[in-house]
Amino acid sequence: MSLPTPYDGSSPLFRIGTRPLDPAHWLEPDACRAAQIEEKLRLLAGRPEEVFAELPESRAAQGELLGLVTEHMRSRHPELWRHNEPETPGEHGSPLVAVSKRVQDDLLILQRHGDGWRLTAGCLCFPSSWVLAEKLGQVLADIHQPVPGFGPGTRQAEIMARMFDAMRPETPMIRWNFSLYGDDRLFHPDVSGPDQPRFGSGERADPVFLRVERQTLRKLPETGAIAFTIRISVDPIERLETHVDGANIALSLAEQIAALTPEQLDYKGLTLERERVIRRLGEIAEATPT
């Protein structure tokens, strides 16, 4: 397994940015797998109501996703799959909880209703500033209502809905997203207000952590539901200094942040931090061999 891969700067923020994914690379565990699964188990034991939610109608899709993940992991990563462990539902009889305990990724299920694709189940142990219980049962546009340009009635919301309708089981999709945080907590449901400092109180933005989401979408062939997976990587921004393309990544991140609108800066929690974090990324670019 590889180390987590820093965001490469090639997928701009506030774009849908999906592309086809080879099914063989649907779920890709990395070197953080064991530690993240341990943290998942801790959260599921201690805060189950905060990391798991479901609607009854999702149970068939949950079972189908358990089977699909099991097939994929046994085929692609057999060394990580315990063959002697029964494939049975977990707490509350939920297949989603059972399979989520065995993979690094968070797993969510969306199902088509007359008014659009609704979130009907999720095991979300590592949220990036959102709360699962608040989104359960909502359609895509309402889920993304806080995201500038993605709420109800926007062009991006219409494109997303059409993309979900057109998805085929044989063609998963992948996209990347990044955020900058002042800590490395995996369970991060809280939202920083636009008027709150995020990276310490000194002149220099420190600490800064690059939080990357590897997101995939895959249509389930039997139920027609869509599985949404999220694998999280969190690294101190200094890791870019040793990355082979670290200078270019730092410059790309700085350019993207500089181009954000006031609404986008508010959403990303960077309104007060814009100049400080751009300067910090510039320091990294200068210090990184090219």
C-alpha atoms as a PDB file:
ATOM      1  CA  MET A   1       0.000   0.000   0.000  1.00  0.00           C
ATOM      2  CA  SER A   2       1.119   3.523  -0.726  1.00  0.00           C
ATOM      3  CA  LEU A   3       1.270   6.572   1.488  1.00  0.00           C
ATOM      4  CA  PRO A   4      -1.694   8.930   1.212  1.00  0.00           C
ATOM      5  CA  THR A   5      -1.362  10.980  -1.946  1.00  0.00           C
ATOM      6  CA  PRO A   6      -1.481  14.756  -1.468  1.00  0.00           C
ATOM      7  CA  TYR A   7      -4.010  16.574  -3.559  1.00  0.00           C
ATOM      8  CA  ASP A   8      -2.239  17.358  -6.825  1.00  0.00           C
ATOM      9  CA  GLY A   9      -3.975  20.649  -7.512  1.00  0.00           C
ATOM     10  CA  SER A  10      -5.479  19.486 -10.805  1.00  0.00           C
ATOM     11  CA  SER A  11      -9.143  19.432  -9.705  1.00  0.00           C
ATOM     12  CA  PRO A  12     -10.353  22.977  -9.052  1.00  0.00           C
ATOM     13  CA  LEU A  13     -12.581  23.691  -6.087  1.00  0.00           C
ATOM     14  CA  PHE A  14     -16.292  24.274  -6.660  1.00  0.00           C
ATOM     15  CA  ARG A  15     -16.390  22.170  -9.811  1.00  0.00           C
ATOM     16  CA  ILE A  16     -18.115  18.802 -10.186  1.00  0.00           C
ATOM     17  CA  GLY A  17     -14.936  17.460 -11.748  1.00  0.00           C
ATOM     18  CA  THR A  18     -15.866  13.778 -12.010  1.00  0.00           C
ATOM     19  CA  ARG A  19     -14.145  11.423 -14.418  1.00  0.00           C
ATOM     20  CA  PRO A  20     -14.553   7.707 -15.219  1.00  0.00           C
ATOM     21  CA  LEU A  21     -12.736   5.269 -12.931  1.00  0.00           C
ATOM     22  CA  ASP A  22     -11.508   1.765 -13.717  1.00  0.00           C
ATOM     23  CA  PRO A  23     -13.625  -0.518 -11.459  1.00  0.00           C
ATOM     24  CA  ALA A  24     -10.414  -2.316 -10.459  1.00  0.00           C
ATOM     25  CA  HIS A  25      -9.374   0.878  -8.643  1.00  0.00           C
ATOM     26  CA  TRP A  26     -12.723   1.590  -7.021  1.00  0.00           C
ATOM     27  CA  LEU A  27     -11.516   1.270  -3.404  1.00  0.00           C
ATOM     28  CA  GLU A  28      -7.798   1.826  -2.853  1.00  0.00           C
ATOM     29  CA  PRO A  29      -6.574   1.328   0.715  1.00  0.00           C
ATOM     30  CA  ASP A  30      -3.460   3.262   1.703  1.00  0.00           C
ATOM     31  CA  ALA A  31      -0.951   3.151   4.543  1.00  0.00           C
ATOM     32  CA  CYS A  32      -3.407   4.871   6.914  1.00  0.00           C
ATOM     33  CA  ARG A  33      -5.944   2.055   6.625  1.00  0.00           C
ATOM     34  CA  ALA A  34      -5.311   0.282   9.946  1.00  0.00           C
ATOM     35  CA  ALA A  35      -5.309   3.479  12.007  1.00  0.00           C
ATOM     36  CA  GLN A  36      -8.425   4.815  10.308  1.00  0.00           C
ATOM     37  CA  ILE A  37     -10.365   1.583  10.770  1.00  0.00           C
ATOM     38  CA  GLU A  38      -9.383   1.608  14.453  1.00  0.00           C
ATOM     39  CA  GLU A  39     -10.761   5.147  14.725  1.00  0.00           C
ATOM     40  CA  LYS A  40     -13.932   4.069  12.925  1.00  0.00           C
ATOM     41  CA  LEU A  41     -14.489   1.274  15.434  1.00  0.00           C
ATOM     42  CA  ARG A  42     -14.005   3.715  18.309  1.00  0.00           C
ATOM     43  CA  LEU A  43     -16.555   6.150  16.869  1.00  0.00           C
ATOM     44  CA  LEU A  44     -19.085   3.446  16.032  1.00  0.00           C
ATOM     45  CA  ALA A  45     -18.851   2.118  19.602  1.00  0.00           C
ATOM     46  CA  GLY A  46     -18.935   5.482  21.346  1.00  0.00           C
ATOM     47  CA  ARG A  47     -20.952   7.794  19.076  1.00  0.00           C
ATOM     48  CA  PRO A  48     -23.050   5.558  16.813  1.00  0.00           C
ATOM     49  CA  GLU A  49     -25.899   8.050  16.439  1.00  0.00           C
ATOM     50  CA  GLU A  50     -23.462  10.655  15.079  1.00  0.00           C
ATOM     51  CA  VAL A  51     -21.777   8.468  12.463  1.00  0.00           C
ATOM     52  CA  PHE A  52     -24.559   6.188  11.222  1.00  0.00           C
ATOM     53  CA  ALA A  53     -28.056   6.940   9.932  1.00  0.00           C
ATOM     54  CA  GLU A  54     -30.480   5.114   7.651  1.00  0.00           C
ATOM     55  CA  LEU A  55     -33.962   5.097   6.228  1.00  0.00           C
ATOM     56  CA  PRO A  56     -35.704   1.682   6.164  1.00  0.00           C
ATOM     57  CA  GLU A  57     -35.954   1.742   2.373  1.00  0.00           C
ATOM     58  CA  SER A  58     -32.151   1.599   2.102  1.00  0.00           C
ATOM     59  CA  ARG A  59     -31.676  -1.917   3.511  1.00  0.00           C
ATOM     60  CA  ALA A  60     -31.676  -3.752   0.167  1.00  0.00           C
ATOM     61  CA  ALA A  61     -29.110  -1.321  -1.256  1.00  0.00           C
ATOM     62  CA  GLN A  62     -27.008  -1.670   1.898  1.00  0.00           C
ATOM     63  CA  GLY A  63     -26.931  -5.430   1.433  1.00  0.00           C
ATOM     64  CA  GLU A  64     -25.995  -5.082  -2.222  1.00  0.00           C
ATOM     65  CA  LEU A  65     -23.161  -2.689  -1.342  1.00  0.00           C
ATOM     66  CA  LEU A  66     -21.836  -5.093   1.299  1.00  0.00           C
ATOM     67  CA  GLY A  67     -21.663  -7.823  -1.336  1.00  0.00           C
ATOM     68  CA  LEU A  68     -20.019  -5.562  -3.932  1.00  0.00           C
ATOM     69  CA  VAL A  69     -17.360  -4.311  -1.490  1.00  0.00           C
ATOM     70  CA  THR A  70     -16.655  -7.868  -0.339  1.00  0.00           C
ATOM     71  CA  GLU A  71     -16.224  -9.054  -3.943  1.00  0.00           C
ATOM     72  CA  HIS A  72     -13.941  -6.131  -4.773  1.00  0.00           C
ATOM     73  CA  MET A  73     -11.737  -6.473  -1.694  1.00  0.00           C
ATOM     74  CA  ARG A  74     -11.385 -10.235  -1.998  1.00  0.00           C
ATOM     75  CA  SER A  75     -10.385  -9.842  -5.622  1.00  0.00           C
ATOM     76  CA  ARG A  76      -8.135  -6.781  -5.428  1.00  0.00           C
ATOM     77  CA  HIS A  77      -6.859  -6.773  -1.830  1.00  0.00           C
ATOM     78  CA  PRO A  78      -7.217 -10.322  -0.488  1.00  0.00           C
ATOM     79  CA  GLU A  79      -4.466  -9.786   2.074  1.00  0.00           C
ATOM     80  CA  LEU A  80      -6.646  -7.190   3.805  1.00  0.00           C
ATOM     81  CA  TRP A  81      -9.862  -9.207   3.878  1.00  0.00           C
ATOM     82  CA  ARG A  82     -10.428 -11.733   6.640  1.00  0.00           C
ATOM     83  CA  HIS A  83     -11.898 -14.720   4.810  1.00  0.00           C
ATOM     84  CA  ASN A  84     -13.046 -16.419   8.006  1.00  0.00           C
ATOM     85  CA  GLU A  85     -15.214 -13.487   9.096  1.00  0.00           C
ATOM     86  CA  PRO A  86     -18.892 -14.021   8.236  1.00  0.00           C
ATOM     87  CA  GLU A  87     -20.522 -11.485   5.942  1.00  0.00           C
ATOM     88  CA  THR A  88     -23.388 -10.615   8.281  1.00  0.00           C
ATOM     89  CA  PRO A  89     -25.118  -7.360   9.218  1.00  0.00           C
ATOM     90  CA  GLY A  90     -23.659  -5.363  12.081  1.00  0.00           C
ATOM     91  CA  GLU A  91     -25.314  -3.205  14.738  1.00  0.00           C
ATOM     92  CA  HIS A  92     -29.032  -2.631  14.273  1.00  0.00           C
ATOM     93  CA  GLY A  93     -28.871  -5.339  11.570  1.00  0.00           C
ATOM     94  CA  SER A  94     -27.243  -2.845   9.214  1.00  0.00           C
ATOM     95  CA  PRO A  95     -25.137  -4.273   6.378  1.00  0.00           C
ATOM     96  CA  LEU A  96     -23.670  -0.784   5.910  1.00  0.00           C
ATOM     97  CA  VAL A  97     -22.219  -0.715   9.416  1.00  0.00           C
ATOM     98  CA  ALA A  98     -20.838  -4.230   8.973  1.00  0.00           C
ATOM     99  CA  VAL A  99     -18.942  -3.406   5.801  1.00  0.00           C
ATOM    100  CA  SER A 100     -17.894   0.073   6.951  1.00  0.00           C
ATOM    101  CA  LYS A 101     -15.966  -1.498   9.824  1.00  0.00           C
ATOM    102  CA  ARG A 102     -13.761  -3.297   7.337  1.00  0.00           C
ATOM    103  CA  VAL A 103     -12.854  -0.585   4.846  1.00  0.00           C
ATOM    104  CA  GLN A 104     -11.078   2.728   5.179  1.00  0.00           C
ATOM    105  CA  ASP A 105     -13.669   4.675   3.185  1.00  0.00           C
ATOM    106  CA  ASP A 106     -16.864   6.193   4.511  1.00  0.00           C
ATOM    107  CA  LEU A 107     -19.890   4.779   2.677  1.00  0.00           C
ATOM    108  CA  LEU A 108     -23.158   6.485   1.760  1.00  0.00           C
ATOM    109  CA  ILE A 109     -26.175   5.450  -0.311  1.00  0.00           C
ATOM    110  CA  LEU A 110     -28.388   7.588  -2.530  1.00  0.00           C
ATOM    111  CA  GLN A 111     -31.614   6.339  -4.114  1.00  0.00           C
ATOM    112  CA  ARG A 112     -33.819   7.755  -6.876  1.00  0.00           C
ATOM    113  CA  HIS A 113     -37.195   9.142  -5.897  1.00  0.00           C
ATOM    114  CA  GLY A 114     -39.693  11.082  -7.937  1.00  0.00           C
ATOM    115  CA  ASP A 115     -38.159  14.388  -6.900  1.00  0.00           C
ATOM    116  CA  GLY A 116     -34.522  13.347  -7.290  1.00  0.00           C
ATOM    117  CA  TRP A 117     -31.683  11.415  -5.687  1.00  0.00           C
ATOM    118  CA  ARG A 118     -32.042  11.244  -1.910  1.00  0.00           C
ATOM    119  CA  LEU A 119     -29.470  10.281   0.731  1.00  0.00           C
ATOM    120  CA  THR A 120     -31.016   7.224   2.385  1.00  0.00           C
ATOM    121  CA  ALA A 121     -28.151   5.776   4.451  1.00  0.00           C
ATOM    122  CA  GLY A 122     -24.638   6.565   5.514  1.00  0.00           C
ATOM    123  CA  CYS A 123     -21.804   5.483   7.741  1.00  0.00           C
ATOM    124  CA  LEU A 124     -19.846   8.743   7.907  1.00  0.00           C
ATOM    125  CA  CYS A 125     -17.095   8.568  10.511  1.00  0.00           C
ATOM    126  CA  PHE A 126     -14.876  11.249   8.988  1.00  0.00           C
ATOM    127  CA  PRO A 127     -17.151  14.140   7.914  1.00  0.00           C
ATOM    128  CA  SER A 128     -15.550  17.301   6.545  1.00  0.00           C
ATOM    129  CA  SER A 129     -17.681  20.007   8.179  1.00  0.00           C
ATOM    130  CA  TRP A 130     -21.141  18.488   7.774  1.00  0.00           C
ATOM    131  CA  VAL A 131     -23.563  16.432   9.866  1.00  0.00           C
ATOM    132  CA  LEU A 132     -25.002  13.193   8.494  1.00  0.00           C
ATOM    133  CA  ALA A 133     -28.273  13.345  10.448  1.00  0.00           C
ATOM    134  CA  GLU A 134     -29.018  16.796   9.012  1.00  0.00           C
ATOM    135  CA  LYS A 135     -28.686  15.552   5.422  1.00  0.00           C
ATOM    136  CA  LEU A 136     -30.485  12.189   5.675  1.00  0.00           C
ATOM    137  CA  GLY A 137     -33.508  12.050   3.377  1.00  0.00           C
ATOM    138  CA  GLN A 138     -32.579  15.177   1.445  1.00  0.00           C
ATOM    139  CA  VAL A 139     -32.229  15.407  -2.341  1.00  0.00           C
ATOM    140  CA  LEU A 140     -28.870  16.300  -3.891  1.00  0.00           C
ATOM    141  CA  ALA A 141     -29.598  19.987  -4.403  1.00  0.00           C
ATOM    142  CA  ASP A 142     -30.715  20.438  -0.794  1.00  0.00           C
ATOM    143  CA  ILE A 143     -27.697  18.499   0.500  1.00  0.00           C
ATOM    144  CA  HIS A 144     -25.451  20.935  -1.370  1.00  0.00           C
ATOM    145  CA  GLN A 145     -27.477  24.042  -0.490  1.00  0.00           C
ATOM    146  CA  PRO A 146     -24.634  25.544   1.635  1.00  0.00           C
ATOM    147  CA  VAL A 147     -22.122  25.102  -1.228  1.00  0.00           C
ATOM    148  CA  PRO A 148     -21.918  28.282  -3.344  1.00  0.00           C
ATOM    149  CA  GLY A 149     -23.325  27.600  -6.811  1.00  0.00           C
ATOM    150  CA  PHE A 150     -24.623  24.092  -6.026  1.00  0.00           C
ATOM    151  CA  GLY A 151     -27.951  24.695  -4.279  1.00  0.00           C
ATOM    152  CA  PRO A 152     -31.496  24.267  -5.606  1.00  0.00           C
ATOM    153  CA  GLY A 153     -32.103  25.866  -8.999  1.00  0.00           C
ATOM    154  CA  THR A 154     -28.429  26.230  -9.920  1.00  0.00           C
ATOM    155  CA  ARG A 155     -26.898  24.921 -13.116  1.00  0.00           C
ATOM    156  CA  GLN A 156     -24.454  22.744 -11.165  1.00  0.00           C
ATOM    157  CA  ALA A 157     -27.323  21.094  -9.280  1.00  0.00           C
ATOM    158  CA  GLU A 158     -29.050  20.290 -12.576  1.00  0.00           C
ATOM    159  CA  ILE A 159     -25.829  18.837 -14.024  1.00  0.00           C
ATOM    160  CA  MET A 160     -25.339  16.649 -10.943  1.00  0.00           C
ATOM    161  CA  ALA A 161     -28.874  15.304 -11.131  1.00  0.00           C
ATOM    162  CA  ARG A 162     -28.482  14.437 -14.820  1.00  0.00           C
ATOM    163  CA  MET A 163     -25.106  12.816 -14.158  1.00  0.00           C
ATOM    164  CA  PHE A 164     -26.595  10.599 -11.453  1.00  0.00           C
ATOM    165  CA  ASP A 165     -29.461   9.612 -13.767  1.00  0.00           C
ATOM    166  CA  ALA A 166     -27.022   8.670 -16.532  1.00  0.00           C
ATOM    167  CA  MET A 167     -24.608   6.614 -14.443  1.00  0.00           C
ATOM    168  CA  ARG A 168     -23.956   3.017 -15.473  1.00  0.00           C
ATOM    169  CA  PRO A 169     -22.916   0.202 -13.115  1.00  0.00           C
ATOM    170  CA  GLU A 170     -19.876  -0.659 -15.223  1.00  0.00           C
ATOM    171  CA  THR A 171     -18.452   2.876 -15.030  1.00  0.00           C
ATOM    172  CA  PRO A 172     -17.725   4.249 -11.554  1.00  0.00           C
ATOM    173  CA  MET A 173     -16.737   7.890 -11.262  1.00  0.00           C
ATOM    174  CA  ILE A 174     -14.049   9.611  -9.195  1.00  0.00           C
ATOM    175  CA  ARG A 175     -13.441  13.176  -8.031  1.00  0.00           C
ATOM    176  CA  TRP A 176     -11.146  14.916  -5.533  1.00  0.00           C
ATOM    177  CA  ASN A 177     -11.769  17.694  -3.054  1.00  0.00           C
ATOM    178  CA  PHE A 178      -9.542  19.499  -0.599  1.00  0.00           C
ATOM    179  CA  SER A 179      -9.859  21.715   2.461  1.00  0.00           C
ATOM    180  CA  LEU A 180      -7.371  23.362   4.796  1.00  0.00           C
ATOM    181  CA  TYR A 181      -7.820  22.882   8.543  1.00  0.00           C
ATOM    182  CA  GLY A 182      -5.983  23.897  11.672  1.00  0.00           C
ATOM    183  CA  ASP A 183      -6.001  20.367  13.126  1.00  0.00           C
ATOM    184  CA  ASP A 184      -5.807  16.765  11.946  1.00  0.00           C
ATOM    185  CA  ARG A 185      -9.007  15.376  13.478  1.00  0.00           C
ATOM    186  CA  LEU A 186     -10.669  12.778  11.274  1.00  0.00           C
ATOM    187  CA  PHE A 187     -14.120  13.214  12.838  1.00  0.00           C
ATOM    188  CA  HIS A 188     -14.692  16.854  11.904  1.00  0.00           C
ATOM    189  CA  PRO A 189     -18.429  17.643  11.666  1.00  0.00           C
ATOM    190  CA  ASP A 190     -18.158  21.190  13.041  1.00  0.00           C
ATOM    191  CA  VAL A 191     -18.217  24.176  10.720  1.00  0.00           C
ATOM    192  CA  SER A 192     -15.898  27.156  11.272  1.00  0.00           C
ATOM    193  CA  GLY A 193     -17.639  30.475  10.812  1.00  0.00           C
ATOM    194  CA  PRO A 194     -16.229  32.952   8.282  1.00  0.00           C
ATOM    195  CA  ASP A 195     -15.131  35.300  11.082  1.00  0.00           C
ATOM    196  CA  GLN A 196     -13.145  32.682  13.013  1.00  0.00           C
ATOM    197  CA  PRO A 197      -9.362  32.201  12.714  1.00  0.00           C
ATOM    198  CA  ARG A 198      -8.390  28.685  11.693  1.00  0.00           C
ATOM    199  CA  PHE A 199      -4.569  28.541  11.702  1.00  0.00           C
ATOM    200  CA  GLY A 200      -3.401  29.820  15.067  1.00  0.00           C
ATOM    201  CA  SER A 201      -2.994  33.401  16.243  1.00  0.00           C
ATOM    202  CA  GLY A 202       0.506  34.309  15.060  1.00  0.00           C
ATOM    203  CA  GLU A 203       1.532  36.156  11.948  1.00  0.00           C
ATOM    204  CA  ARG A 204       2.388  32.853  10.251  1.00  0.00           C
ATOM    205  CA  ALA A 205      -0.406  30.405   9.416  1.00  0.00           C
ATOM    206  CA  ASP A 206       0.533  27.423  11.572  1.00  0.00           C
ATOM    207  CA  PRO A 207      -0.467  24.673  11.928  1.00  0.00           C
ATOM    208  CA  VAL A 208      -2.090  24.002   8.551  1.00  0.00           C
ATOM    209  CA  PHE A 209      -3.328  20.554   7.516  1.00  0.00           C
ATOM    210  CA  LEU A 210      -4.269  19.553   3.978  1.00  0.00           C
ATOM    211  CA  ARG A 211      -7.423  17.424   4.109  1.00  0.00           C
ATOM    212  CA  VAL A 212      -8.051  15.506   0.886  1.00  0.00           C
ATOM    213  CA  GLU A 213     -11.198  13.587  -0.039  1.00  0.00           C
ATOM    214  CA  ARG A 214     -10.982  10.825  -2.634  1.00  0.00           C
ATOM    215  CA  GLN A 215     -14.634  10.488  -3.625  1.00  0.00           C
ATOM    216  CA  THR A 216     -16.184   7.808  -5.843  1.00  0.00           C
ATOM    217  CA  LEU A 217     -19.674   7.193  -7.186  1.00  0.00           C
ATOM    218  CA  ARG A 218     -20.801   3.733  -8.270  1.00  0.00           C
ATOM    219  CA  LYS A 219     -24.241   2.612  -9.385  1.00  0.00           C
ATOM    220  CA  LEU A 220     -25.410  -0.662  -7.852  1.00  0.00           C
ATOM    221  CA  PRO A 221     -26.703  -2.930 -10.645  1.00  0.00           C
ATOM    222  CA  GLU A 222     -29.529  -4.667  -8.746  1.00  0.00           C
ATOM    223  CA  THR A 223     -31.179  -1.915  -6.699  1.00  0.00           C
ATOM    224  CA  GLY A 224     -30.149   1.001  -8.930  1.00  0.00           C
ATOM    225  CA  ALA A 225     -28.907   2.920  -5.883  1.00  0.00           C
ATOM    226  CA  ILE A 226     -25.660   4.876  -6.025  1.00  0.00           C
ATOM    227  CA  ALA A 227     -22.849   4.244  -3.559  1.00  0.00           C
ATOM    228  CA  PHE A 228     -20.843   7.322  -2.604  1.00  0.00           C
ATOM    229  CA  THR A 229     -17.468   6.586  -0.997  1.00  0.00           C
ATOM    230  CA  ILE A 230     -15.066   9.005   0.682  1.00  0.00           C
ATOM    231  CA  ARG A 231     -11.488   8.184   1.658  1.00  0.00           C
ATOM    232  CA  ILE A 232      -9.839  10.859   3.787  1.00  0.00           C
ATOM    233  CA  SER A 233      -6.170  11.823   3.926  1.00  0.00           C
ATOM    234  CA  VAL A 234      -4.944  14.456   6.387  1.00  0.00           C
ATOM    235  CA  ASP A 235      -1.350  15.683   6.222  1.00  0.00           C
ATOM    236  CA  PRO A 236       0.545  18.679   7.598  1.00  0.00           C
ATOM    237  CA  ILE A 237       1.085  21.145   4.791  1.00  0.00           C
ATOM    238  CA  GLU A 238       4.866  20.768   5.235  1.00  0.00           C
ATOM    239  CA  ARG A 239       4.640  17.333   3.662  1.00  0.00           C
ATOM    240  CA  LEU A 240       4.553  19.097   0.319  1.00  0.00           C
ATOM    241  CA  GLU A 241       8.176  20.123   0.912  1.00  0.00           C
ATOM    242  CA  THR A 242       9.269  16.512   0.367  1.00  0.00           C
ATOM    243  CA  HIS A 243       6.808  15.705  -2.419  1.00  0.00           C
ATOM    244  CA  VAL A 244       8.253  15.304  -5.904  1.00  0.00           C
ATOM    245  CA  ASP A 245       5.825  17.911  -7.240  1.00  0.00           C
ATOM    246  CA  GLY A 246       5.339  19.826  -3.997  1.00  0.00           C
ATOM    247  CA  ALA A 247       6.209  23.279  -5.313  1.00  0.00           C
ATOM    248  CA  ASN A 248       3.685  23.066  -8.151  1.00  0.00           C
ATOM    249  CA  ILE A 249       0.999  21.703  -5.815  1.00  0.00           C
ATOM    250  CA  ALA A 250       1.578  24.522  -3.324  1.00  0.00           C
ATOM    251  CA  LEU A 251       1.386  27.134  -6.084  1.00  0.00           C
ATOM    252  CA  SER A 252      -1.792  25.560  -7.503  1.00  0.00           C
ATOM    253  CA  LEU A 253      -3.452  25.605  -4.082  1.00  0.00           C
ATOM    254  CA  ALA A 254      -2.434  29.234  -3.564  1.00  0.00           C
ATOM    255  CA  GLU A 255      -3.798  30.247  -6.982  1.00  0.00           C
ATOM    256  CA  GLN A 256      -7.100  28.515  -6.329  1.00  0.00           C
ATOM    257  CA  ILE A 257      -7.514  30.179  -2.922  1.00  0.00           C
ATOM    258  CA  ALA A 258      -6.625  33.581  -4.382  1.00  0.00           C
ATOM    259  CA  ALA A 259      -9.369  33.145  -7.009  1.00  0.00           C
ATOM    260  CA  LEU A 260     -12.181  32.205  -4.586  1.00  0.00           C
ATOM    261  CA  THR A 261     -15.186  34.510  -4.297  1.00  0.00           C
ATOM    262  CA  PRO A 262     -16.175  35.917  -0.885  1.00  0.00           C
ATOM    263  CA  GLU A 263     -18.962  33.315  -0.654  1.00  0.00           C
ATOM    264  CA  GLN A 264     -16.552  30.488  -1.454  1.00  0.00           C
ATOM    265  CA  LEU A 265     -14.017  31.757   1.076  1.00  0.00           C
ATOM    266  CA  ASP A 266     -16.743  31.834   3.727  1.00  0.00           C
ATOM    267  CA  TYR A 267     -17.751  28.262   2.902  1.00  0.00           C
ATOM    268  CA  LYS A 268     -14.157  27.010   3.127  1.00  0.00           C
ATOM    269  CA  GLY A 269     -13.553  28.878   6.387  1.00  0.00           C
ATOM    270  CA  LEU A 270     -10.783  30.960   4.814  1.00  0.00           C
ATOM    271  CA  THR A 271     -12.229  34.474   4.912  1.00  0.00           C
ATOM    272  CA  LEU A 272      -9.849  35.629   7.654  1.00  0.00           C
ATOM    273  CA  GLU A 273      -7.069  33.291   6.560  1.00  0.00           C
ATOM    274  CA  ARG A 274      -6.777  33.958   2.834  1.00  0.00           C
ATOM    275  CA  GLU A 275      -3.633  36.090   2.880  1.00  0.00           C
ATOM    276  CA  ARG A 276      -1.869  34.166   5.627  1.00  0.00           C
ATOM    277  CA  VAL A 277      -2.367  30.790   4.006  1.00  0.00           C
ATOM    278  CA  ILE A 278      -1.366  32.065   0.565  1.00  0.00           C
ATOM    279  CA  ARG A 279       1.876  33.375   2.080  1.00  0.00           C
ATOM    280  CA  ARG A 280       2.451  30.028   3.799  1.00  0.00           C
ATOM    281  CA  LEU A 281       1.961  28.131   0.545  1.00  0.00           C
ATOM    282  CA  GLY A 282       4.372  30.526  -1.142  1.00  0.00           C
ATOM    283  CA  GLU A 283       6.990  29.751   1.512  1.00  0.00           C
ATOM    284  CA  ILE A 284       6.554  26.041   0.846  1.00  0.00           C
ATOM    285  CA  ALA A 285       6.890  26.531  -2.903  1.00  0.00           C
ATOM    286  CA  GLU A 286      10.135  28.466  -2.422  1.00  0.00           C
ATOM    287  CA  ALA A 287      11.554  25.873  -0.018  1.00  0.00           C
ATOM    288  CA  THR A 288      10.659  22.877  -2.154  1.00  0.00           C
ATOM    289  CA  PRO A 289      13.228  21.588  -4.677  1.00  0.00           C
ATOM    290  CA  THR A 290      11.966  21.542  -8.258  1.00  0.00           C
END
